[in-house]
Amino acid sequence: MLLNGFDILIIVIYAVIVLIVGIWPTRLNRAGSFLISDRQLGGATSGLTIAASKIGAGAIVTYAALIFTYGAQALWMYIGYILGYVVFYFFATRLHRESRKAEYYTIADYFRVHSGNGAAIIVGLLTTVSLFGWVLTNFIAGGKLLALATGLPLAVTMCFMAAVILAYLLVAGFNAVVRTDVIQYVSLIVVLLILACVATFTEVSESDVTFEAMPVGQIIGLFVLGLFFPMGSAELWQRVYATRDPKSLRRAIVFASASFVILAGALSVIFLKLAQLGTPDQDIDKEIAVFRVVGDRLGSGLAGIWVIALLSAIASSADTFVFTTSASVVVDVAERFLGRMKDRRVYRIRVGLIISSVIGITLALIIGDVINVTFLFAGMTMGLGAVAMVVWLYPALPSWVIISACTFGNVASLIHALFKGISVTTAVINLGSCFIITGVCAAFIAGTAKIRRV
């Protein structure tokens, strides 16, 4: 799918625009501005950045592979996502109110207040690892896309993407994430709607494509994945903290959910049509089929904007996860283990951005598999989501319960990955273990407390 000079020019111009938007206008050095934009995001801006942060390589590439295999049944993943946002909305209103009083910056801060330092430490460590996993998925997918489009080596394309992202993150931090998310997500929606219209009116003369029947267990797994994912997404919590007021937060969640419906519909139309058209090489890797088929089928210009759409989705998540990973390392790990270092917090986060990017590129080149990485780290996020949901319902859960649930859930998930391979089941095992342990313990503690009061 090598693009011609005109398509590559479109991509370069777009990259320059994103870079300028991210860097302009100032360099920020205060922690409040650099980490969460002084908690002043409006409803529309917050909604766009919430939606953009969740449409990355893992979502798009995995969803494409699922549609190429199972057809429209893959929609269960997005149905779960949309309902997950509805559930999260009720939690977010209380979270926002608490964040102003207790000055939350990360997801671990919430657990520290409700369950103690032990819970905050385990949640902080798992958050850092899971966020870094999403850094890997986006570097892998973005690098593969650019390598396929330009013919350059994968290492070169990954370094190029990381360099552009780092340039604006080092200057403006979270403000740059938000500004670039807005332009990237708007670009993504516009391009996808255009391509969905083109796909709708594209005739398929003959199609012998048959989709497999998705197992009931996998349907449930995809639905549950989407349902619990928002609750465990550290970057989503960060956007709740950054939103200006409860009214803006309500608008943001509604806006993000509505745009998700539009995006899921457009992606489904495009991917289903691509699956019906088939690929020039039937043995093509499903991870790059979503990249290659459009380039092989579309003419000059359309292929370029398709690459822009995919890059927009990938970059809007990549910068989010690189930034949130670095912030989590500094705030949740370094400061908790090495003492308070708030006076140099911004400097340390900037150093962390560089280190995270270098390690991310190195591991991404070694792993090179988006789908497997997605389900492995999705399990960590879903497990955190299950724990967060129980703590929401029972705020005073002791640290030992959080530590036990998170440890058992992740160990069980890793054992399944080692012996059975990575799949949706790997993620569901983590979720189920965390939810059952925290839920049973919460019920037992609540019941015991009632007995004592009597």
Protein backbone atom coordinates (compact mmCIF):
# COMPACT_ATOMS: atom_id res chain seq x y z
CA MET A 1 0.00 0.00 0.00
CA LEU A 2 2.73 2.47 -0.89
CA LEU A 3 1.19 5.93 -1.18
CA ASN A 4 2.09 8.33 -3.95
CA GLY A 5 3.73 11.71 -3.44
CA PHE A 6 0.43 13.59 -3.18
CA ASP A 7 -0.89 11.33 -0.42
CA ILE A 8 2.35 11.60 1.55
CA LEU A 9 2.25 15.40 1.18
CA ILE A 10 -1.25 15.42 2.71
CA ILE A 11 0.04 13.40 5.65
CA VAL A 12 3.07 15.66 6.18
CA ILE A 13 0.92 18.81 6.12
CA TYR A 14 -1.43 17.26 8.64
CA ALA A 15 1.48 16.28 10.93
CA VAL A 16 2.82 19.86 10.81
CA ILE A 17 -0.61 21.27 11.71
CA VAL A 18 -0.94 18.91 14.68
CA LEU A 19 2.57 19.81 15.84
CA ILE A 20 1.85 23.55 15.68
CA VAL A 21 -1.49 23.15 17.49
CA GLY A 22 0.18 21.08 20.20
CA ILE A 23 3.12 23.42 20.82
CA TRP A 24 1.29 26.74 20.57
CA PRO A 25 1.12 29.00 22.53
CA THR A 26 3.24 28.62 25.67
CA ARG A 27 5.55 26.48 27.75
CA LEU A 28 3.93 25.39 31.04
CA ASN A 29 5.88 24.76 34.22
CA ARG A 30 3.24 24.69 36.97
CA ALA A 31 2.09 21.20 37.97
CA GLY A 32 -1.61 22.10 37.91
CA SER A 33 -1.40 23.42 34.35
CA PHE A 34 0.94 20.74 33.06
CA LEU A 35 -0.98 17.79 34.58
CA ILE A 36 -4.67 18.70 34.32
CA SER A 37 -5.00 22.14 32.66
CA ASP A 38 -5.78 23.85 35.98
CA ARG A 39 -9.07 21.86 36.09
CA GLN A 40 -10.64 24.24 33.56
CA LEU A 41 -11.75 22.07 30.61
CA GLY A 42 -15.17 22.94 29.17
CA GLY A 43 -17.84 20.40 28.27
CA ALA A 44 -17.23 20.13 24.51
CA THR A 45 -13.44 20.09 24.84
CA SER A 46 -13.55 17.52 27.63
CA GLY A 47 -15.99 15.37 25.64
CA LEU A 48 -13.77 15.40 22.56
CA THR A 49 -10.63 14.47 24.47
CA ILE A 50 -12.49 11.73 26.40
CA ALA A 51 -13.71 10.18 23.15
CA ALA A 52 -10.37 10.61 21.39
CA SER A 53 -8.42 8.92 24.17
CA LYS A 54 -10.48 5.72 23.79
CA ILE A 55 -10.24 5.36 20.00
CA GLY A 56 -6.71 4.17 19.51
CA ALA A 57 -4.79 1.35 17.90
CA GLY A 58 -6.14 -1.31 20.22
CA ALA A 59 -9.75 -0.38 19.52
CA ILE A 60 -9.46 0.12 15.77
CA VAL A 61 -7.12 -2.73 14.84
CA THR A 62 -8.79 -5.22 17.17
CA TYR A 63 -12.25 -4.18 16.00
CA ALA A 64 -11.21 -4.49 12.36
CA ALA A 65 -9.77 -7.96 12.94
CA LEU A 66 -12.96 -9.00 14.74
CA ILE A 67 -15.18 -7.72 11.91
CA PHE A 68 -13.02 -9.43 9.29
CA THR A 69 -13.60 -12.65 11.24
CA TYR A 70 -17.09 -12.35 12.74
CA GLY A 71 -18.80 -9.58 10.78
CA ALA A 72 -21.36 -7.33 12.51
CA GLN A 73 -21.24 -9.47 15.68
CA ALA A 74 -18.13 -7.50 16.63
CA LEU A 75 -20.43 -4.56 17.47
CA TRP A 76 -20.86 -6.06 20.94
CA MET A 77 -17.55 -4.46 21.87
CA TYR A 78 -18.83 -0.93 21.15
CA ILE A 79 -22.24 -1.60 22.68
CA GLY A 80 -20.42 -2.46 25.91
CA TYR A 81 -18.30 0.70 25.60
CA ILE A 82 -21.35 2.95 25.24
CA LEU A 83 -23.12 1.39 28.23
CA GLY A 84 -19.86 1.58 30.16
CA TYR A 85 -19.83 5.34 29.70
CA VAL A 86 -23.41 5.54 30.96
CA VAL A 87 -22.42 3.68 34.15
CA PHE A 88 -19.28 5.75 34.54
CA TYR A 89 -21.30 8.96 34.31
CA PHE A 90 -22.99 8.32 37.67
CA PHE A 91 -19.63 7.61 39.29
CA ALA A 92 -17.89 10.56 37.61
CA THR A 93 -20.17 13.16 39.14
CA ARG A 94 -19.12 12.13 42.65
CA LEU A 95 -15.49 11.64 41.58
CA HIS A 96 -15.37 15.19 40.20
CA ARG A 97 -16.72 16.64 43.46
CA GLU A 98 -14.20 14.68 45.54
CA SER A 99 -11.29 15.59 43.25
CA ARG A 100 -11.74 19.29 43.98
CA LYS A 101 -11.64 18.77 47.75
CA ALA A 102 -8.82 16.21 47.89
CA GLU A 103 -6.84 17.49 44.84
CA TYR A 104 -6.74 14.19 42.97
CA TYR A 105 -4.30 13.96 40.07
CA THR A 106 -4.31 10.23 39.32
CA ILE A 107 -6.56 7.20 39.83
CA ALA A 108 -4.36 6.04 42.72
CA ASP A 109 -5.09 9.26 44.65
CA TYR A 110 -8.73 8.18 44.91
CA PHE A 111 -7.77 4.78 46.36
CA ARG A 112 -5.32 6.40 48.79
CA VAL A 113 -8.12 8.52 50.30
CA HIS A 114 -10.65 5.68 50.46
CA SER A 115 -8.54 2.59 51.18
CA GLY A 116 -5.09 3.74 52.27
CA ASN A 117 -1.54 3.86 50.92
CA GLY A 118 -1.28 0.12 50.29
CA ALA A 119 -4.20 0.23 47.88
CA ALA A 120 -2.80 3.36 46.24
CA ILE A 121 0.57 1.68 45.66
CA ILE A 122 -0.84 -1.47 44.00
CA VAL A 123 -3.28 0.57 41.91
CA GLY A 124 -0.52 2.99 40.92
CA LEU A 125 1.79 0.17 39.83
CA LEU A 126 -0.91 -1.61 37.83
CA THR A 127 -2.05 1.66 36.28
CA THR A 128 1.48 2.40 35.13
CA VAL A 129 1.91 -1.06 33.60
CA SER A 130 -1.48 -1.04 31.87
CA LEU A 131 -0.98 2.47 30.51
CA PHE A 132 2.42 1.49 29.18
CA GLY A 133 0.77 -1.44 27.43
CA TRP A 134 -1.43 1.02 25.52
CA VAL A 135 1.70 2.99 24.61
CA LEU A 136 3.00 -0.21 23.00
CA THR A 137 -0.19 -0.91 21.03
CA ASN A 138 -0.25 2.58 19.57
CA PHE A 139 3.44 2.62 18.69
CA ILE A 140 3.13 -0.79 17.02
CA ALA A 141 0.03 0.15 15.01
CA GLY A 142 1.24 3.64 14.10
CA GLY A 143 4.64 2.34 13.06
CA LYS A 144 3.11 -0.43 10.93
CA LEU A 145 0.75 2.03 9.24
CA LEU A 146 3.47 4.52 8.34
CA ALA A 147 5.86 1.75 7.24
CA LEU A 148 3.18 0.29 4.98
CA ALA A 149 2.36 3.71 3.54
CA THR A 150 5.90 4.99 2.99
CA GLY A 151 8.07 1.88 2.63
CA LEU A 152 10.38 3.10 5.39
CA PRO A 153 11.72 0.70 8.06
CA LEU A 154 9.44 0.12 11.05
CA ALA A 155 11.99 1.53 13.49
CA VAL A 156 12.19 4.79 11.52
CA THR A 157 8.40 5.26 11.37
CA MET A 158 7.99 4.54 15.09
CA CYS A 159 10.71 7.05 15.96
CA PHE A 160 9.12 9.67 13.69
CA MET A 161 5.71 9.28 15.35
CA ALA A 162 7.22 9.36 18.85
CA ALA A 163 9.30 12.45 18.02
CA VAL A 164 6.26 14.44 16.85
CA ILE A 165 4.28 13.46 19.96
CA LEU A 166 7.17 14.20 22.31
CA ALA A 167 7.75 17.63 20.77
CA TYR A 168 4.39 18.99 21.91
CA LEU A 169 4.09 16.97 25.13
CA LEU A 170 7.40 18.30 26.45
CA VAL A 171 6.29 21.87 25.81
CA ALA A 172 2.65 21.96 26.91
CA GLY A 173 1.84 18.69 28.69
CA PHE A 174 -1.84 17.90 29.17
CA ASN A 175 -2.89 21.11 27.39
CA ALA A 176 -1.17 19.79 24.27
CA VAL A 177 -2.92 16.43 24.65
CA VAL A 178 -6.30 18.14 24.80
CA ARG A 179 -5.69 20.53 21.89
CA THR A 180 -4.36 17.82 19.59
CA ASP A 181 -7.15 15.44 20.66
CA VAL A 182 -9.72 17.98 19.49
CA ILE A 183 -8.25 18.40 16.01
CA GLN A 184 -7.46 14.69 15.66
CA TYR A 185 -10.90 13.49 16.74
CA VAL A 186 -12.75 15.98 14.56
CA SER A 187 -10.57 14.92 11.62
CA LEU A 188 -11.25 11.27 12.40
CA ILE A 189 -15.04 11.70 12.50
CA VAL A 190 -15.16 13.78 9.29
CA VAL A 191 -12.95 11.38 7.34
CA LEU A 192 -14.77 8.29 8.60
CA LEU A 193 -18.16 9.73 7.66
CA ILE A 194 -16.86 10.52 4.16
CA LEU A 195 -15.44 7.04 3.73
CA ALA A 196 -18.58 5.45 5.19
CA CYS A 197 -20.64 7.23 2.51
CA VAL A 198 -18.21 6.05 -0.17
CA ALA A 199 -18.36 2.49 1.20
CA THR A 200 -22.16 2.54 1.32
CA PHE A 201 -22.41 3.26 -2.40
CA THR A 202 -19.58 0.94 -3.42
CA GLU A 203 -20.96 -2.06 -5.29
CA VAL A 204 -19.71 -5.54 -4.49
CA SER A 205 -20.14 -7.62 -7.64
CA GLU A 206 -19.30 -10.95 -6.09
CA SER A 207 -18.44 -11.77 -2.54
CA ASP A 208 -17.85 -15.25 -1.22
CA VAL A 209 -16.85 -13.96 2.20
CA THR A 210 -18.46 -15.89 5.04
CA PHE A 211 -18.15 -14.80 8.64
CA GLU A 212 -17.67 -17.18 11.51
CA ALA A 213 -20.30 -17.47 14.24
CA MET A 214 -18.92 -15.71 17.29
CA PRO A 215 -18.99 -17.97 20.37
CA VAL A 216 -21.40 -16.85 23.07
CA GLY A 217 -18.55 -16.65 25.56
CA GLN A 218 -16.66 -14.25 23.32
CA ILE A 219 -19.75 -12.08 22.84
CA ILE A 220 -20.14 -11.83 26.60
CA GLY A 221 -16.42 -11.16 26.97
CA LEU A 222 -16.44 -8.28 24.45
CA PHE A 223 -19.56 -6.77 25.99
CA VAL A 224 -18.13 -6.96 29.52
CA LEU A 225 -14.81 -5.58 28.29
CA GLY A 226 -16.50 -2.44 27.03
CA LEU A 227 -18.75 -2.16 30.08
CA PHE A 228 -15.95 -2.13 32.66
CA PHE A 229 -13.27 -0.44 30.61
CA PRO A 230 -14.13 3.21 31.43
CA MET A 231 -14.07 2.53 35.18
CA GLY A 232 -10.46 1.39 35.01
CA SER A 233 -9.18 3.93 32.47
CA ALA A 234 -6.74 6.23 34.28
CA GLU A 235 -6.73 8.71 31.41
CA LEU A 236 -10.52 9.05 31.68
CA TRP A 237 -10.29 9.77 35.40
CA GLN A 238 -7.69 12.43 34.62
CA ARG A 239 -10.14 14.15 32.28
CA VAL A 240 -12.82 14.11 34.98
CA TYR A 241 -10.38 15.87 37.30
CA ALA A 242 -9.57 18.42 34.60
CA THR A 243 -13.18 19.34 33.75
CA ARG A 244 -14.29 22.74 35.00
CA ASP A 245 -17.59 22.00 36.79
CA PRO A 246 -20.32 19.33 37.14
CA LYS A 247 -22.39 20.83 34.31
CA SER A 248 -19.40 20.67 31.94
CA LEU A 249 -18.72 17.10 33.03
CA ARG A 250 -22.29 16.02 32.23
CA ARG A 251 -22.01 17.59 28.80
CA ALA A 252 -18.64 15.93 28.24
CA ILE A 253 -19.87 12.41 29.05
CA VAL A 254 -23.01 12.82 26.91
CA PHE A 255 -20.96 14.26 24.06
CA ALA A 256 -18.39 11.47 24.24
CA SER A 257 -21.07 8.77 24.32
CA ALA A 258 -22.99 10.25 21.37
CA SER A 259 -19.85 10.61 19.28
CA PHE A 260 -18.99 6.99 20.09
CA VAL A 261 -22.27 5.89 18.53
CA ILE A 262 -21.47 7.84 15.34
CA LEU A 263 -17.91 6.55 15.20
CA ALA A 264 -18.88 2.92 15.85
CA GLY A 265 -21.46 3.11 13.06
CA ALA A 266 -19.02 4.62 10.55
CA LEU A 267 -16.25 2.14 11.40
CA SER A 268 -18.68 -0.77 11.12
CA VAL A 269 -19.87 0.29 7.67
CA ILE A 270 -16.31 0.74 6.41
CA PHE A 271 -14.90 -2.48 7.85
CA LEU A 272 -17.84 -4.61 6.73
CA LYS A 273 -17.50 -3.29 3.19
CA LEU A 274 -13.75 -3.94 3.24
CA ALA A 275 -14.35 -7.48 4.45
CA GLN A 276 -16.85 -8.03 1.60
CA LEU A 277 -14.43 -6.62 -0.96
CA GLY A 278 -11.75 -8.97 0.27
CA THR A 279 -8.01 -8.44 0.05
CA PRO A 280 -5.58 -8.95 -2.81
CA ASP A 281 -3.77 -11.41 -0.58
CA GLN A 282 -6.14 -13.63 1.39
CA ASP A 283 -3.30 -14.60 3.75
CA ILE A 284 -2.73 -10.99 4.77
CA ASP A 285 -2.21 -10.33 8.46
CA LYS A 286 -5.55 -9.15 9.87
CA GLU A 287 -3.70 -6.49 11.87
CA ILE A 288 -2.62 -4.66 8.71
CA ALA A 289 -5.61 -5.57 6.55
CA VAL A 290 -7.45 -2.49 7.80
CA PHE A 291 -4.49 -0.38 6.66
CA ARG A 292 -3.77 -2.06 3.36
CA VAL A 293 -7.14 -2.79 1.81
CA VAL A 294 -8.22 0.83 1.60
CA GLY A 295 -4.92 1.84 0.06
CA ASP A 296 -5.30 -0.90 -2.54
CA ARG A 297 -8.91 0.00 -3.33
CA LEU A 298 -8.95 3.81 -3.18
CA GLY A 299 -7.35 6.29 -5.52
CA SER A 300 -4.98 9.16 -4.84
CA GLY A 301 -6.25 11.53 -2.14
CA LEU A 302 -8.73 9.15 -0.50
CA ALA A 303 -5.96 6.77 0.49
CA GLY A 304 -4.09 9.71 2.03
CA ILE A 305 -7.03 10.87 4.12
CA TRP A 306 -7.67 7.26 5.22
CA VAL A 307 -4.14 7.15 6.60
CA ILE A 308 -4.78 10.51 8.28
CA ALA A 309 -7.92 9.11 9.91
CA LEU A 310 -6.03 6.12 11.29
CA LEU A 311 -3.09 8.25 12.39
CA SER A 312 -5.49 10.65 14.11
CA ALA A 313 -7.00 7.80 16.11
CA ILE A 314 -3.62 6.32 16.96
CA ALA A 315 -1.86 9.59 17.81
CA SER A 316 -4.75 10.90 19.92
CA SER A 317 -4.39 7.82 22.11
CA ALA A 318 -0.61 7.51 21.91
CA ASP A 319 0.04 11.00 23.30
CA THR A 320 -2.56 10.42 26.02
CA PHE A 321 -0.98 7.17 27.17
CA VAL A 322 2.62 8.40 26.94
CA PHE A 323 1.71 11.43 29.04
CA THR A 324 -0.45 9.55 31.56
CA THR A 325 2.17 6.80 31.92
CA SER A 326 4.85 9.34 32.72
CA ALA A 327 2.59 11.18 35.18
CA SER A 328 1.68 7.88 36.87
CA VAL A 329 5.34 6.87 37.21
CA VAL A 330 6.22 10.18 38.85
CA VAL A 331 3.13 10.77 41.01
CA ASP A 332 2.05 7.20 41.83
CA VAL A 333 5.40 5.40 41.98
CA ALA A 334 8.39 7.71 42.48
CA GLU A 335 6.73 10.13 44.88
CA ARG A 336 5.15 7.37 46.97
CA PHE A 337 8.35 5.32 47.29
CA LEU A 338 10.98 8.08 47.29
CA GLY A 339 9.13 10.84 49.11
CA ARG A 340 7.45 14.06 48.06
CA MET A 341 9.08 15.82 45.12
CA LYS A 342 6.32 18.18 44.04
CA ASP A 343 8.74 21.07 43.56
CA ARG A 344 10.29 19.23 40.57
CA ARG A 345 7.25 17.29 39.44
CA VAL A 346 6.96 18.85 35.98
CA TYR A 347 10.66 18.35 35.26
CA ARG A 348 10.48 14.70 36.28
CA ILE A 349 7.40 14.11 34.15
CA ARG A 350 9.23 15.57 31.14
CA VAL A 351 12.13 13.20 31.76
CA GLY A 352 9.62 10.37 32.12
CA LEU A 353 8.08 11.26 28.75
CA ILE A 354 11.41 10.73 27.02
CA ILE A 355 12.19 7.50 28.89
CA SER A 356 8.69 6.09 28.30
CA SER A 357 8.94 6.79 24.58
CA VAL A 358 12.37 5.20 24.20
CA ILE A 359 11.40 2.06 26.15
CA GLY A 360 8.05 1.96 24.34
CA ILE A 361 9.65 1.99 20.89
CA THR A 362 12.16 -0.68 21.89
CA LEU A 363 9.53 -3.07 23.27
CA ALA A 364 7.11 -2.32 20.43
CA LEU A 365 9.75 -3.42 17.92
CA ILE A 366 10.31 -6.63 19.88
CA ILE A 367 6.63 -7.52 20.41
CA GLY A 368 5.06 -6.31 17.16
CA ASP A 369 1.58 -7.75 17.89
CA VAL A 370 -1.24 -5.31 18.55
CA ILE A 371 -4.12 -7.70 19.23
CA ASN A 372 -2.34 -9.85 21.81
CA VAL A 373 -1.01 -6.81 23.66
CA THR A 374 -4.50 -5.30 23.60
CA PHE A 375 -6.22 -8.18 25.37
CA LEU A 376 -3.41 -8.65 27.89
CA PHE A 377 -3.43 -5.05 29.08
CA ALA A 378 -7.19 -4.72 28.67
CA GLY A 379 -7.41 -7.30 31.46
CA MET A 380 -5.41 -5.05 33.79
CA THR A 381 -7.61 -2.07 32.97
CA MET A 382 -10.81 -4.09 33.42
CA GLY A 383 -9.57 -5.50 36.73
CA LEU A 384 -8.94 -1.97 38.00
CA GLY A 385 -12.40 -1.03 36.74
CA ALA A 386 -14.00 -3.86 38.72
CA VAL A 387 -12.17 -2.83 41.89
CA ALA A 388 -13.09 0.83 41.35
CA MET A 389 -16.75 -0.07 40.93
CA VAL A 390 -16.83 -1.98 44.22
CA VAL A 391 -15.00 0.83 46.05
CA TRP A 392 -17.54 3.26 44.59
CA LEU A 393 -20.34 1.20 46.16
CA TYR A 394 -18.38 0.49 49.37
CA PRO A 395 -15.91 3.42 49.81
CA ALA A 396 -14.12 2.19 52.94
CA LEU A 397 -12.77 -1.11 51.59
CA PRO A 398 -9.45 -1.95 53.37
CA SER A 399 -6.14 -1.94 51.51
CA TRP A 400 -5.59 -5.69 51.95
CA VAL A 401 -8.74 -6.42 49.93
CA ILE A 402 -7.58 -4.22 47.02
CA ILE A 403 -4.08 -5.71 47.12
CA SER A 404 -5.37 -9.30 47.27
CA ALA A 405 -7.87 -8.83 44.43
CA CYS A 406 -5.45 -7.06 42.10
CA THR A 407 -2.64 -9.54 42.78
CA PHE A 408 -4.78 -12.64 42.30
CA GLY A 409 -6.55 -11.25 39.22
CA ASN A 410 -3.33 -10.37 37.39
CA VAL A 411 -1.53 -13.59 38.34
CA ALA A 412 -4.49 -15.67 37.14
CA SER A 413 -4.61 -13.67 33.90
CA LEU A 414 -0.89 -14.14 33.26
CA ILE A 415 -1.09 -17.89 33.95
CA HIS A 416 -3.89 -18.18 31.38
CA ALA A 417 -1.84 -16.15 28.87
CA LEU A 418 1.21 -18.38 29.33
CA PHE A 419 -0.59 -21.72 29.04
CA LYS A 420 -3.60 -20.95 26.84
CA GLY A 421 -2.49 -17.93 24.86
CA ILE A 422 -3.81 -14.38 24.98
CA SER A 423 -7.48 -13.84 24.11
CA VAL A 424 -10.63 -12.12 25.36
CA THR A 425 -10.74 -14.83 28.05
CA THR A 426 -7.41 -13.57 29.42
CA ALA A 427 -8.95 -10.16 30.07
CA VAL A 428 -12.20 -11.55 31.47
CA ILE A 429 -10.31 -13.74 33.97
CA ASN A 430 -8.62 -10.65 35.42
CA LEU A 431 -11.92 -8.79 35.58
CA GLY A 432 -13.84 -11.68 37.11
CA SER A 433 -11.21 -12.43 39.75
CA CYS A 434 -10.96 -8.80 40.88
CA PHE A 435 -14.73 -8.30 40.90
CA ILE A 436 -15.51 -11.50 42.81
CA ILE A 437 -12.84 -11.02 45.47
CA THR A 438 -13.60 -7.35 46.15
CA GLY A 439 -17.35 -7.94 45.96
CA VAL A 440 -17.36 -10.90 48.37
CA CYS A 441 -15.06 -9.13 50.81
CA ALA A 442 -17.14 -5.94 50.67
CA ALA A 443 -20.34 -7.89 51.32
CA PHE A 444 -18.73 -9.77 54.23
CA ILE A 445 -17.30 -6.60 55.82
CA ALA A 446 -20.60 -4.75 55.40
CA GLY A 447 -22.52 -7.68 56.90
CA THR A 448 -20.14 -7.95 59.85
CA ALA A 449 -20.43 -4.23 60.54
CA LYS A 450 -24.24 -4.49 60.67
CA ILE A 451 -24.05 -7.43 63.09
CA ARG A 452 -21.71 -5.49 65.37
CA ARG A 453 -23.99 -2.45 65.38
CA VAL A 454 -26.92 -4.65 66.38
